[in-house]
Amino acid sequence: MAAPVYPAWVTRWVSGQWRQKKRPPAIRPTRPLVLANKVANRRDQAGEATCITEMSVMMACWKRNDFSDTACAEEIRMFHDCVAKAEKERKDQNAETLSPRESLTSSKVNKLLRRFPQITHYV
């Protein structure tokens, strides 16, 4: 029994010869290809807790002295000094200028994008 004879266009279609130019498919974006004027807020790595020893000393003093502030004034002052020093260090760290070696936080990126917004139309 002989094999069936197909029309010429069928053999070309099956073999892929009908596509002379193989090009990638056209991609049509659903939104315009421009950057947004803000980025999502991401939390930085969780920092370590500060002033834990001062707080535990202060609470132990309170427990010994029936929660009297006057008897534990020195421990309370030490704790408040430690907290103020940690806050100052944290603010100084956040106020640093941009350096090319470190990655930007989302708040710094948003601040820069507010200063230099994307141009979405031309004059």
PDB file of N, CA and C in Angstrom:
ATOM      1  N   MET A   1       0.836  -1.167   0.000  1.00  0.00           N
ATOM      2  CA  MET A   1       0.000   0.000   0.000  1.00  0.00           C
ATOM      3  C   MET A   1       0.882   1.232   0.000  1.00  0.00           C
ATOM      4  N   ALA A   2       0.586   2.186  -0.808  1.00  0.00           N
ATOM      5  CA  ALA A   2       1.391   3.379  -0.973  1.00  0.00           C
ATOM      6  C   ALA A   2       0.989   4.428   0.059  1.00  0.00           C
ATOM      7  N   ALA A   3       1.960   5.257   0.396  1.00  0.00           N
ATOM      8  CA  ALA A   3       1.704   6.335   1.345  1.00  0.00           C
ATOM      9  C   ALA A   3       0.817   7.374   0.697  1.00  0.00           C
ATOM     10  N   PRO A   4      -0.027   8.043   1.501  1.00  0.00           N
ATOM     11  CA  PRO A   4      -0.920   9.051   0.908  1.00  0.00           C
ATOM     12  C   PRO A   4      -0.120  10.233   0.390  1.00  0.00           C
ATOM     13  N   VAL A   5      -0.593  10.824  -0.643  1.00  0.00           N
ATOM     14  CA  VAL A   5       0.061  11.979  -1.248  1.00  0.00           C
ATOM     15  C   VAL A   5      -0.677  13.226  -0.781  1.00  0.00           C
ATOM     16  N   TYR A   6       0.105  14.119  -0.130  1.00  0.00           N
ATOM     17  CA  TYR A   6      -0.485  15.355   0.377  1.00  0.00           C
ATOM     18  C   TYR A   6      -0.134  16.495  -0.555  1.00  0.00           C
ATOM     19  N   PRO A   7      -0.937  17.546  -0.538  1.00  0.00           N
ATOM     20  CA  PRO A   7      -0.596  18.716  -1.349  1.00  0.00           C
ATOM     21  C   PRO A   7       0.733  19.331  -0.879  1.00  0.00           C
ATOM     22  N   ALA A   8       1.367  20.100  -1.729  1.00  0.00           N
ATOM     23  CA  ALA A   8       2.677  20.684  -1.443  1.00  0.00           C
ATOM     24  C   ALA A   8       2.620  21.633  -0.248  1.00  0.00           C
ATOM     25  N   TRP A   9       1.542  22.367  -0.095  1.00  0.00           N
ATOM     26  CA  TRP A   9       1.458  23.313   1.005  1.00  0.00           C
ATOM     27  C   TRP A   9       1.438  22.617   2.349  1.00  0.00           C
ATOM     28  N   VAL A  10       0.895  21.406   2.418  1.00  0.00           N
ATOM     29  CA  VAL A  10       0.847  20.655   3.675  1.00  0.00           C
ATOM     30  C   VAL A  10       2.249  20.223   4.076  1.00  0.00           C
ATOM     31  N   THR A  11       3.038  19.738   3.128  1.00  0.00           N
ATOM     32  CA  THR A  11       4.403  19.311   3.467  1.00  0.00           C
ATOM     33  C   THR A  11       5.263  20.497   3.891  1.00  0.00           C
ATOM     34  N   ARG A  12       5.076  21.651   3.247  1.00  0.00           N
ATOM     35  CA  ARG A  12       5.822  22.840   3.660  1.00  0.00           C
ATOM     36  C   ARG A  12       5.396  23.288   5.050  1.00  0.00           C
ATOM     37  N   TRP A  13       4.106  23.212   5.342  1.00  0.00           N
ATOM     38  CA  TRP A  13       3.591  23.630   6.640  1.00  0.00           C
ATOM     39  C   TRP A  13       4.104  22.719   7.739  1.00  0.00           C
ATOM     40  N   VAL A  14       4.112  21.432   7.513  1.00  0.00           N
ATOM     41  CA  VAL A  14       4.566  20.474   8.510  1.00  0.00           C
ATOM     42  C   VAL A  14       6.066  20.617   8.764  1.00  0.00           C
ATOM     43  N   SER A  15       6.835  20.857   7.733  1.00  0.00           N
ATOM     44  CA  SER A  15       8.282  20.948   7.877  1.00  0.00           C
ATOM     45  C   SER A  15       8.735  22.304   8.407  1.00  0.00           C
ATOM     46  N   GLY A  16       7.866  23.286   8.463  1.00  0.00           N
ATOM     47  CA  GLY A  16       8.218  24.596   8.972  1.00  0.00           C
ATOM     48  C   GLY A  16       8.807  25.505   7.930  1.00  0.00           C
ATOM     49  N   GLN A  17       8.779  25.118   6.680  1.00  0.00           N
ATOM     50  CA  GLN A  17       9.352  25.964   5.632  1.00  0.00           C
ATOM     51  C   GLN A  17       8.487  27.181   5.335  1.00  0.00           C
ATOM     52  N   TRP A  18       7.269  27.195   5.800  1.00  0.00           N
ATOM     53  CA  TRP A  18       6.393  28.324   5.550  1.00  0.00           C
ATOM     54  C   TRP A  18       6.849  29.550   6.317  1.00  0.00           C
ATOM     55  N   ARG A  19       7.643  29.342   7.404  1.00  0.00           N
ATOM     56  CA  ARG A  19       8.191  30.462   8.170  1.00  0.00           C
ATOM     57  C   ARG A  19       9.603  30.734   7.674  1.00  0.00           C
ATOM     58  N   GLN A  20       9.758  31.649   6.800  1.00  0.00           N
ATOM     59  CA  GLN A  20      11.080  31.949   6.285  1.00  0.00           C
ATOM     60  C   GLN A  20      11.917  32.712   7.317  1.00  0.00           C
ATOM     61  N   LYS A  21      11.322  33.685   7.994  1.00  0.00           N
ATOM     62  CA  LYS A  21      12.032  34.460   8.997  1.00  0.00           C
ATOM     63  C   LYS A  21      11.565  34.002  10.375  1.00  0.00           C
ATOM     64  N   LYS A  22      12.511  33.538  11.158  1.00  0.00           N
ATOM     65  CA  LYS A  22      12.158  33.168  12.532  1.00  0.00           C
ATOM     66  C   LYS A  22      12.520  34.344  13.433  1.00  0.00           C
ATOM     67  N   ARG A  23      11.538  34.995  13.946  1.00  0.00           N
ATOM     68  CA  ARG A  23      11.766  36.143  14.820  1.00  0.00           C
ATOM     69  C   ARG A  23      11.002  35.919  16.124  1.00  0.00           C
ATOM     70  N   PRO A  24      11.470  36.545  17.189  1.00  0.00           N
ATOM     71  CA  PRO A  24      10.768  36.369  18.462  1.00  0.00           C
ATOM     72  C   PRO A  24       9.387  37.017  18.401  1.00  0.00           C
ATOM     73  N   PRO A  25       8.489  36.535  19.199  1.00  0.00           N
ATOM     74  CA  PRO A  25       7.143  37.113  19.188  1.00  0.00           C
ATOM     75  C   PRO A  25       7.166  38.538  19.714  1.00  0.00           C
ATOM     76  N   ALA A  26       6.269  39.343  19.219  1.00  0.00           N
ATOM     77  CA  ALA A  26       6.172  40.733  19.660  1.00  0.00           C
ATOM     78  C   ALA A  26       5.575  40.761  21.061  1.00  0.00           C
ATOM     79  N   ILE A  27       6.226  41.487  21.958  1.00  0.00           N
ATOM     80  CA  ILE A  27       5.738  41.613  23.339  1.00  0.00           C
ATOM     81  C   ILE A  27       5.119  42.984  23.493  1.00  0.00           C
ATOM     82  N   ARG A  28       3.898  42.993  23.889  1.00  0.00           N
ATOM     83  CA  ARG A  28       3.197  44.249  24.093  1.00  0.00           C
ATOM     84  C   ARG A  28       2.995  44.450  25.593  1.00  0.00           C
ATOM     85  N   PRO A  29       3.629  45.467  26.167  1.00  0.00           N
ATOM     86  CA  PRO A  29       3.495  45.674  27.618  1.00  0.00           C
ATOM     87  C   PRO A  29       2.079  46.116  27.966  1.00  0.00           C
ATOM     88  N   THR A  30       1.627  45.680  29.135  1.00  0.00           N
ATOM     89  CA  THR A  30       0.293  46.064  29.588  1.00  0.00           C
ATOM     90  C   THR A  30       0.284  47.473  30.161  1.00  0.00           C
ATOM     91  N   ARG A  31       1.442  47.925  30.670  1.00  0.00           N
ATOM     92  CA  ARG A  31       1.576  49.277  31.210  1.00  0.00           C
ATOM     93  C   ARG A  31       2.737  49.965  30.516  1.00  0.00           C
ATOM     94  N   PRO A  32       2.796  51.281  30.561  1.00  0.00           N
ATOM     95  CA  PRO A  32       3.922  51.969  29.931  1.00  0.00           C
ATOM     96  C   PRO A  32       5.240  51.596  30.610  1.00  0.00           C
ATOM     97  N   LEU A  33       6.307  51.545  29.828  1.00  0.00           N
ATOM     98  CA  LEU A  33       7.602  51.148  30.350  1.00  0.00           C
ATOM     99  C   LEU A  33       8.345  52.355  30.923  1.00  0.00           C
ATOM    100  N   VAL A  34       7.865  52.863  32.037  1.00  0.00           N
ATOM    101  CA  VAL A  34       8.515  53.952  32.757  1.00  0.00           C
ATOM    102  C   VAL A  34       8.583  53.567  34.226  1.00  0.00           C
ATOM    103  N   LEU A  35       9.541  54.129  34.924  1.00  0.00           N
ATOM    104  CA  LEU A  35       9.644  53.872  36.352  1.00  0.00           C
ATOM    105  C   LEU A  35       8.542  54.595  37.095  1.00  0.00           C
ATOM    106  N   ALA A  36       8.120  54.024  38.205  1.00  0.00           N
ATOM    107  CA  ALA A  36       7.135  54.686  39.042  1.00  0.00           C
ATOM    108  C   ALA A  36       7.819  55.779  39.841  1.00  0.00           C
ATOM    109  N   ASN A  37       7.041  56.676  40.417  1.00  0.00           N
ATOM    110  CA  ASN A  37       7.603  57.761  41.211  1.00  0.00           C
ATOM    111  C   ASN A  37       7.773  57.383  42.674  1.00  0.00           C
ATOM    112  N   LYS A  38       7.574  56.119  43.016  1.00  0.00           N
ATOM    113  CA  LYS A  38       7.834  55.645  44.374  1.00  0.00           C
ATOM    114  C   LYS A  38       8.077  54.149  44.334  1.00  0.00           C
ATOM    115  N   VAL A  39       8.722  53.646  45.366  1.00  0.00           N
ATOM    116  CA  VAL A  39       8.966  52.215  45.500  1.00  0.00           C
ATOM    117  C   VAL A  39       8.278  51.737  46.772  1.00  0.00           C
ATOM    118  N   ALA A  40       8.117  50.425  46.881  1.00  0.00           N
ATOM    119  CA  ALA A  40       7.452  49.865  48.052  1.00  0.00           C
ATOM    120  C   ALA A  40       8.335  50.039  49.285  1.00  0.00           C
ATOM    121  N   ASN A  41       7.712  50.286  50.411  1.00  0.00           N
ATOM    122  CA  ASN A  41       8.465  50.433  51.657  1.00  0.00           C
ATOM    123  C   ASN A  41       8.883  49.071  52.156  1.00  0.00           C
ATOM    124  N   ARG A  42      10.173  48.894  52.265  1.00  0.00           N
ATOM    125  CA  ARG A  42      10.726  47.643  52.779  1.00  0.00           C
ATOM    126  C   ARG A  42      11.436  47.943  54.085  1.00  0.00           C
ATOM    127  N   ARG A  43      11.244  47.092  55.051  1.00  0.00           N
ATOM    128  CA  ARG A  43      11.926  47.277  56.319  1.00  0.00           C
ATOM    129  C   ARG A  43      13.362  46.806  56.184  1.00  0.00           C
ATOM    130  N   ASP A  44      14.252  47.539  56.823  1.00  0.00           N
ATOM    131  CA  ASP A  44      15.637  47.110  56.876  1.00  0.00           C
ATOM    132  C   ASP A  44      15.745  45.900  57.798  1.00  0.00           C
ATOM    133  N   GLN A  45      16.918  45.360  57.868  1.00  0.00           N
ATOM    134  CA  GLN A  45      17.118  44.230  58.758  1.00  0.00           C
ATOM    135  C   GLN A  45      16.795  44.666  60.177  1.00  0.00           C
ATOM    136  N   ALA A  46      16.244  43.742  60.923  1.00  0.00           N
ATOM    137  CA  ALA A  46      15.903  44.053  62.307  1.00  0.00           C
ATOM    138  C   ALA A  46      17.197  44.305  63.076  1.00  0.00           C
ATOM    139  N   GLY A  47      17.308  45.480  63.664  1.00  0.00           N
ATOM    140  CA  GLY A  47      18.507  45.825  64.416  1.00  0.00           C
ATOM    141  C   GLY A  47      18.501  45.146  65.776  1.00  0.00           C
ATOM    142  N   GLU A  48      19.652  45.135  66.360  1.00  0.00           N
ATOM    143  CA  GLU A  48      19.735  44.521  67.673  1.00  0.00           C
ATOM    144  C   GLU A  48      19.164  45.464  68.710  1.00  0.00           C
ATOM    145  N   ALA A  49      18.655  44.903  69.778  1.00  0.00           N
ATOM    146  CA  ALA A  49      18.077  45.709  70.842  1.00  0.00           C
ATOM    147  C   ALA A  49      19.204  46.393  71.614  1.00  0.00           C
ATOM    148  N   THR A  50      18.971  47.623  71.982  1.00  0.00           N
ATOM    149  CA  THR A  50      19.981  48.381  72.716  1.00  0.00           C
ATOM    150  C   THR A  50      19.527  48.591  74.151  1.00  0.00           C
ATOM    151  N   CYS A  51      20.465  48.805  75.029  1.00  0.00           N
ATOM    152  CA  CYS A  51      20.228  49.164  76.435  1.00  0.00           C
ATOM    153  C   CYS A  51      19.491  48.069  77.215  1.00  0.00           C
ATOM    154  N   ILE A  52      19.680  46.831  76.843  1.00  0.00           N
ATOM    155  CA  ILE A  52      19.000  45.735  77.541  1.00  0.00           C
ATOM    156  C   ILE A  52      19.531  45.593  78.962  1.00  0.00           C
ATOM    157  N   THR A  53      20.840  45.678  79.121  1.00  0.00           N
ATOM    158  CA  THR A  53      21.401  45.492  80.478  1.00  0.00           C
ATOM    159  C   THR A  53      20.973  46.624  81.393  1.00  0.00           C
ATOM    160  N   GLU A  54      20.983  47.869  80.890  1.00  0.00           N
ATOM    161  CA  GLU A  54      20.557  48.995  81.721  1.00  0.00           C
ATOM    162  C   GLU A  54      19.089  48.864  82.131  1.00  0.00           C
ATOM    163  N   MET A  55      18.249  48.398  81.186  1.00  0.00           N
ATOM    164  CA  MET A  55      16.835  48.228  81.502  1.00  0.00           C
ATOM    165  C   MET A  55      16.628  47.130  82.535  1.00  0.00           C
ATOM    166  N   SER A  56      17.380  46.031  82.416  1.00  0.00           N
ATOM    167  CA  SER A  56      17.203  44.940  83.386  1.00  0.00           C
ATOM    168  C   SER A  56      17.704  45.357  84.773  1.00  0.00           C
ATOM    169  N   VAL A  57      18.792  46.140  84.834  1.00  0.00           N
ATOM    170  CA  VAL A  57      19.267  46.641  86.127  1.00  0.00           C
ATOM    171  C   VAL A  57      18.233  47.568  86.748  1.00  0.00           C
ATOM    172  N   MET A  58      17.635  48.438  85.928  1.00  0.00           N
ATOM    173  CA  MET A  58      16.620  49.363  86.427  1.00  0.00           C
ATOM    174  C   MET A  58      15.393  48.598  86.950  1.00  0.00           C
ATOM    175  N   MET A  59      14.952  47.587  86.214  1.00  0.00           N
ATOM    176  CA  MET A  59      13.770  46.831  86.657  1.00  0.00           C
ATOM    177  C   MET A  59      14.062  46.014  87.912  1.00  0.00           C
ATOM    178  N   ALA A  60      15.273  45.492  88.029  1.00  0.00           N
ATOM    179  CA  ALA A  60      15.631  44.755  89.247  1.00  0.00           C
ATOM    180  C   ALA A  60      15.649  45.688  90.449  1.00  0.00           C
ATOM    181  N   CYS A  61      16.131  46.910  90.226  1.00  0.00           N
ATOM    182  CA  CYS A  61      16.125  47.893  91.311  1.00  0.00           C
ATOM    183  C   CYS A  61      14.703  48.242  91.722  1.00  0.00           C
ATOM    184  N   TRP A  62      13.834  48.441  90.734  1.00  0.00           N
ATOM    185  CA  TRP A  62      12.423  48.713  91.043  1.00  0.00           C
ATOM    186  C   TRP A  62      11.810  47.585  91.858  1.00  0.00           C
ATOM    187  N   LYS A  63      12.113  46.354  91.469  1.00  0.00           N
ATOM    188  CA  LYS A  63      11.535  45.203  92.171  1.00  0.00           C
ATOM    189  C   LYS A  63      12.045  45.144  93.613  1.00  0.00           C
ATOM    190  N   ARG A  64      13.352  45.444  93.804  1.00  0.00           N
ATOM    191  CA  ARG A  64      13.913  45.413  95.158  1.00  0.00           C
ATOM    192  C   ARG A  64      13.321  46.503  96.035  1.00  0.00           C
ATOM    193  N   ASN A  65      13.031  47.665  95.456  1.00  0.00           N
ATOM    194  CA  ASN A  65      12.599  48.832  96.225  1.00  0.00           C
ATOM    195  C   ASN A  65      11.112  49.123  96.076  1.00  0.00           C
ATOM    196  N   ASP A  66      10.328  48.120  95.741  1.00  0.00           N
ATOM    197  CA  ASP A  66       8.869  48.239  95.649  1.00  0.00           C
ATOM    198  C   ASP A  66       8.455  49.346  94.676  1.00  0.00           C
ATOM    199  N   PHE A  67       9.124  49.397  93.502  1.00  0.00           N
ATOM    200  CA  PHE A  67       8.820  50.316  92.402  1.00  0.00           C
ATOM    201  C   PHE A  67       8.875  51.782  92.816  1.00  0.00           C
ATOM    202  N   SER A  68       9.889  52.121  93.590  1.00  0.00           N
ATOM    203  CA  SER A  68      10.096  53.494  94.015  1.00  0.00           C
ATOM    204  C   SER A  68      11.107  54.146  93.076  1.00  0.00           C
ATOM    205  N   ASP A  69      10.702  55.271  92.451  1.00  0.00           N
ATOM    206  CA  ASP A  69      11.586  55.963  91.524  1.00  0.00           C
ATOM    207  C   ASP A  69      12.732  56.679  92.239  1.00  0.00           C
ATOM    208  N   THR A  70      12.481  57.157  93.452  1.00  0.00           N
ATOM    209  CA  THR A  70      13.522  57.907  94.151  1.00  0.00           C
ATOM    210  C   THR A  70      14.680  57.009  94.550  1.00  0.00           C
ATOM    211  N   ALA A  71      14.408  55.774  94.914  1.00  0.00           N
ATOM    212  CA  ALA A  71      15.474  54.856  95.327  1.00  0.00           C
ATOM    213  C   ALA A  71      16.299  54.387  94.130  1.00  0.00           C
ATOM    214  N   CYS A  72      15.715  54.400  92.946  1.00  0.00           N
ATOM    215  CA  CYS A  72      16.396  53.898  91.739  1.00  0.00           C
ATOM    216  C   CYS A  72      16.720  55.019  90.762  1.00  0.00           C
ATOM    217  N   ALA A  73      16.951  56.210  91.247  1.00  0.00           N
ATOM    218  CA  ALA A  73      17.176  57.369  90.372  1.00  0.00           C
ATOM    219  C   ALA A  73      18.436  57.187  89.528  1.00  0.00           C
ATOM    220  N   GLU A  74      19.486  56.630  90.109  1.00  0.00           N
ATOM    221  CA  GLU A  74      20.737  56.443  89.362  1.00  0.00           C
ATOM    222  C   GLU A  74      20.549  55.453  88.212  1.00  0.00           C
ATOM    223  N   GLU A  75      19.861  54.340  88.446  1.00  0.00           N
ATOM    224  CA  GLU A  75      19.626  53.343  87.400  1.00  0.00           C
ATOM    225  C   GLU A  75      18.725  53.907  86.293  1.00  0.00           C
ATOM    226  N   ILE A  76      17.732  54.698  86.690  1.00  0.00           N
ATOM    227  CA  ILE A  76      16.827  55.312  85.707  1.00  0.00           C
ATOM    228  C   ILE A  76      17.612  56.299  84.834  1.00  0.00           C
ATOM    229  N   ARG A  77      18.509  57.093  85.453  1.00  0.00           N
ATOM    230  CA  ARG A  77      19.313  58.047  84.699  1.00  0.00           C
ATOM    231  C   ARG A  77      20.244  57.322  83.728  1.00  0.00           C
ATOM    232  N   MET A  78      20.843  56.213  84.174  1.00  0.00           N
ATOM    233  CA  MET A  78      21.728  55.450  83.293  1.00  0.00           C
ATOM    234  C   MET A  78      20.958  54.890  82.091  1.00  0.00           C
ATOM    235  N   PHE A  79      19.739  54.407  82.340  1.00  0.00           N
ATOM    236  CA  PHE A  79      18.919  53.871  81.248  1.00  0.00           C
ATOM    237  C   PHE A  79      18.548  54.972  80.261  1.00  0.00           C
ATOM    238  N   HIS A  80      18.121  56.126  80.751  1.00  0.00           N
ATOM    239  CA  HIS A  80      17.739  57.226  79.855  1.00  0.00           C
ATOM    240  C   HIS A  80      18.938  57.736  79.059  1.00  0.00           C
ATOM    241  N   ASP A  81      20.114  57.786  79.685  1.00  0.00           N
ATOM    242  CA  ASP A  81      21.329  58.190  78.958  1.00  0.00           C
ATOM    243  C   ASP A  81      21.645  57.212  77.832  1.00  0.00           C
ATOM    244  N   CYS A  82      21.503  55.922  78.127  1.00  0.00           N
ATOM    245  CA  CYS A  82      21.779  54.900  77.109  1.00  0.00           C
ATOM    246  C   CYS A  82      20.799  55.014  75.936  1.00  0.00           C
ATOM    247  N   VAL A  83      19.535  55.244  76.247  1.00  0.00           N
ATOM    248  CA  VAL A  83      18.520  55.375  75.195  1.00  0.00           C
ATOM    249  C   VAL A  83      18.790  56.614  74.345  1.00  0.00           C
ATOM    250  N   ALA A  84      19.146  57.723  74.981  1.00  0.00           N
ATOM    251  CA  ALA A  84      19.433  58.949  74.230  1.00  0.00           C
ATOM    252  C   ALA A  84      20.643  58.750  73.330  1.00  0.00           C
ATOM    253  N   LYS A  85      21.672  58.059  73.836  1.00  0.00           N
ATOM    254  CA  LYS A  85      22.861  57.813  73.024  1.00  0.00           C
ATOM    255  C   LYS A  85      22.531  56.912  71.830  1.00  0.00           C
ATOM    256  N   ALA A  86      21.700  55.889  72.043  1.00  0.00           N
ATOM    257  CA  ALA A  86      21.317  54.987  70.949  1.00  0.00           C
ATOM    258  C   ALA A  86      20.480  55.715  69.907  1.00  0.00           C
ATOM    259  N   GLU A  87      19.583  56.588  70.329  1.00  0.00           N
ATOM    260  CA  GLU A  87      18.767  57.370  69.396  1.00  0.00           C
ATOM    261  C   GLU A  87      19.639  58.301  68.554  1.00  0.00           C
ATOM    262  N   LYS A  88      20.628  58.934  69.210  1.00  0.00           N
ATOM    263  CA  LYS A  88      21.519  59.831  68.474  1.00  0.00           C
ATOM    264  C   LYS A  88      22.322  59.057  67.438  1.00  0.00           C
ATOM    265  N   GLU A  89      22.822  57.880  67.800  1.00  0.00           N
ATOM    266  CA  GLU A  89      23.571  57.059  66.848  1.00  0.00           C
ATOM    267  C   GLU A  89      22.695  56.634  65.677  1.00  0.00           C
ATOM    268  N   ARG A  90      21.448  56.282  65.963  1.00  0.00           N
ATOM    269  CA  ARG A  90      20.536  55.856  64.903  1.00  0.00           C
ATOM    270  C   ARG A  90      20.228  57.016  63.953  1.00  0.00           C
ATOM    271  N   LYS A  91      20.008  58.217  64.497  1.00  0.00           N
ATOM    272  CA  LYS A  91      19.738  59.378  63.642  1.00  0.00           C
ATOM    273  C   LYS A  91      20.957  59.746  62.810  1.00  0.00           C
ATOM    274  N   ASP A  92      22.142  59.663  63.413  1.00  0.00           N
ATOM    275  CA  ASP A  92      23.364  59.956  62.659  1.00  0.00           C
ATOM    276  C   ASP A  92      23.562  58.956  61.536  1.00  0.00           C
ATOM    277  N   GLN A  93      23.227  57.719  61.794  1.00  0.00           N
ATOM    278  CA  GLN A  93      23.374  56.683  60.767  1.00  0.00           C
ATOM    279  C   GLN A  93      22.391  56.917  59.626  1.00  0.00           C
ATOM    280  N   ASN A  94      21.168  57.359  59.919  1.00  0.00           N
ATOM    281  CA  ASN A  94      20.169  57.611  58.884  1.00  0.00           C
ATOM    282  C   ASN A  94      20.490  58.869  58.088  1.00  0.00           C
ATOM    283  N   ALA A  95      21.192  59.820  58.678  1.00  0.00           N
ATOM    284  CA  ALA A  95      21.471  61.084  58.005  1.00  0.00           C
ATOM    285  C   ALA A  95      22.730  61.030  57.149  1.00  0.00           C
ATOM    286  N   GLU A  96      23.352  59.878  57.048  1.00  0.00           N
ATOM    287  CA  GLU A  96      24.572  59.773  56.260  1.00  0.00           C
ATOM    288  C   GLU A  96      24.297  60.107  54.797  1.00  0.00           C
ATOM    289  N   THR A  97      25.306  60.611  54.142  1.00  0.00           N
ATOM    290  CA  THR A  97      25.167  60.910  52.719  1.00  0.00           C
ATOM    291  C   THR A  97      25.227  59.623  51.917  1.00  0.00           C
ATOM    292  N   LEU A  98      24.827  59.706  50.663  1.00  0.00           N
ATOM    293  CA  LEU A  98      24.799  58.535  49.808  1.00  0.00           C
ATOM    294  C   LEU A  98      26.211  58.127  49.411  1.00  0.00           C
ATOM    295  N   SER A  99      26.499  56.864  49.519  1.00  0.00           N
ATOM    296  CA  SER A  99      27.790  56.367  49.059  1.00  0.00           C
ATOM    297  C   SER A  99      27.542  55.312  47.990  1.00  0.00           C
ATOM    298  N   PRO A 100      28.415  55.217  47.004  1.00  0.00           N
ATOM    299  CA  PRO A 100      28.160  54.291  45.895  1.00  0.00           C
ATOM    300  C   PRO A 100      28.282  52.818  46.284  1.00  0.00           C
ATOM    301  N   ARG A 101      28.875  52.529  47.433  1.00  0.00           N
ATOM    302  CA  ARG A 101      29.090  51.132  47.789  1.00  0.00           C
ATOM    303  C   ARG A 101      27.892  50.487  48.484  1.00  0.00           C
ATOM    304  N   GLU A 102      27.047  51.246  49.107  1.00  0.00           N
ATOM    305  CA  GLU A 102      25.931  50.661  49.836  1.00  0.00           C
ATOM    306  C   GLU A 102      24.631  50.811  49.048  1.00  0.00           C
ATOM    307  N   SER A 103      23.702  49.909  49.286  1.00  0.00           N
ATOM    308  CA  SER A 103      22.422  50.000  48.593  1.00  0.00           C
ATOM    309  C   SER A 103      21.534  51.011  49.310  1.00  0.00           C
ATOM    310  N   LEU A 104      20.627  51.595  48.574  1.00  0.00           N
ATOM    311  CA  LEU A 104      19.746  52.619  49.122  1.00  0.00           C
ATOM    312  C   LEU A 104      18.559  51.981  49.812  1.00  0.00           C
ATOM    313  N   THR A 105      18.105  52.608  50.872  1.00  0.00           N
ATOM    314  CA  THR A 105      16.873  52.166  51.510  1.00  0.00           C
ATOM    315  C   THR A 105      15.693  52.695  50.707  1.00  0.00           C
ATOM    316  N   SER A 106      14.528  52.118  50.940  1.00  0.00           N
ATOM    317  CA  SER A 106      13.354  52.539  50.179  1.00  0.00           C
ATOM    318  C   SER A 106      12.976  53.986  50.484  1.00  0.00           C
ATOM    319  N   SER A 107      13.199  54.438  51.702  1.00  0.00           N
ATOM    320  CA  SER A 107      12.864  55.833  52.012  1.00  0.00           C
ATOM    321  C   SER A 107      13.791  56.795  51.277  1.00  0.00           C
ATOM    322  N   LYS A 108      15.086  56.442  51.149  1.00  0.00           N
ATOM    323  CA  LYS A 108      16.006  57.305  50.400  1.00  0.00           C
ATOM    324  C   LYS A 108      15.669  57.312  48.911  1.00  0.00           C
ATOM    325  N   VAL A 109      15.264  56.156  48.376  1.00  0.00           N
ATOM    326  CA  VAL A 109      14.878  56.090  46.964  1.00  0.00           C
ATOM    327  C   VAL A 109      13.633  56.936  46.723  1.00  0.00           C
ATOM    328  N   ASN A 110      12.657  56.844  47.616  1.00  0.00           N
ATOM    329  CA  ASN A 110      11.444  57.653  47.466  1.00  0.00           C
ATOM    330  C   ASN A 110      11.757  59.140  47.553  1.00  0.00           C
ATOM    331  N   LYS A 111      12.683  59.508  48.433  1.00  0.00           N
ATOM    332  CA  LYS A 111      13.067  60.919  48.551  1.00  0.00           C
ATOM    333  C   LYS A 111      13.717  61.401  47.250  1.00  0.00           C
ATOM    334  N   LEU A 112      14.581  60.582  46.665  1.00  0.00           N
ATOM    335  CA  LEU A 112      15.206  60.964  45.400  1.00  0.00           C
ATOM    336  C   LEU A 112      14.187  61.030  44.267  1.00  0.00           C
ATOM    337  N   LEU A 113      13.235  60.103  44.244  1.00  0.00           N
ATOM    338  CA  LEU A 113      12.224  60.120  43.185  1.00  0.00           C
ATOM    339  C   LEU A 113      11.278  61.302  43.329  1.00  0.00           C
ATOM    340  N   ARG A 114      11.056  61.783  44.550  1.00  0.00           N
ATOM    341  CA  ARG A 114      10.253  62.996  44.716  1.00  0.00           C
ATOM    342  C   ARG A 114      11.004  64.219  44.196  1.00  0.00           C
ATOM    343  N   ARG A 115      12.329  64.218  44.388  1.00  0.00           N
ATOM    344  CA  ARG A 115      13.121  65.340  43.880  1.00  0.00           C
ATOM    345  C   ARG A 115      13.232  65.314  42.369  1.00  0.00           C
ATOM    346  N   PHE A 116      13.345  64.112  41.789  1.00  0.00           N
ATOM    347  CA  PHE A 116      13.520  63.970  40.346  1.00  0.00           C
ATOM    348  C   PHE A 116      12.457  63.026  39.788  1.00  0.00           C
ATOM    349  N   PRO A 117      11.213  63.498  39.604  1.00  0.00           N
ATOM    350  CA  PRO A 117      10.142  62.610  39.124  1.00  0.00           C
ATOM    351  C   PRO A 117      10.359  62.200  37.674  1.00  0.00           C
ATOM    352  N   GLN A 118       9.675  61.130  37.288  1.00  0.00           N
ATOM    353  CA  GLN A 118       9.768  60.633  35.914  1.00  0.00           C
ATOM    354  C   GLN A 118       8.975  61.542  34.984  1.00  0.00           C
ATOM    355  N   ILE A 119       9.517  61.772  33.794  1.00  0.00           N
ATOM    356  CA  ILE A 119       8.813  62.576  32.791  1.00  0.00           C
ATOM    357  C   ILE A 119       7.918  61.629  32.012  1.00  0.00           C
ATOM    358  N   THR A 120       6.605  61.836  32.088  1.00  0.00           N
ATOM    359  CA  THR A 120       5.676  60.954  31.422  1.00  0.00           C
ATOM    360  C   THR A 120       5.105  61.572  30.141  1.00  0.00           C
ATOM    361  N   HIS A 121       5.380  62.849  29.915  1.00  0.00           N
ATOM    362  CA  HIS A 121       4.915  63.492  28.683  1.00  0.00           C
ATOM    363  C   HIS A 121       5.985  64.454  28.202  1.00  0.00           C
ATOM    364  N   TYR A 122       5.958  64.729  26.928  1.00  0.00           N
ATOM    365  CA  TYR A 122       6.925  65.620  26.338  1.00  0.00           C
ATOM    366  C   TYR A 122       6.247  66.922  25.938  1.00  0.00           C
ATOM    367  N   VAL A 123       6.973  67.994  25.965  1.00  0.00           N
ATOM    368  CA  VAL A 123       6.420  69.318  25.630  1.00  0.00           C
ATOM    369  C   VAL A 123       6.474  69.510  24.138  1.00  0.00           C
TER     370      VAL A 123
END
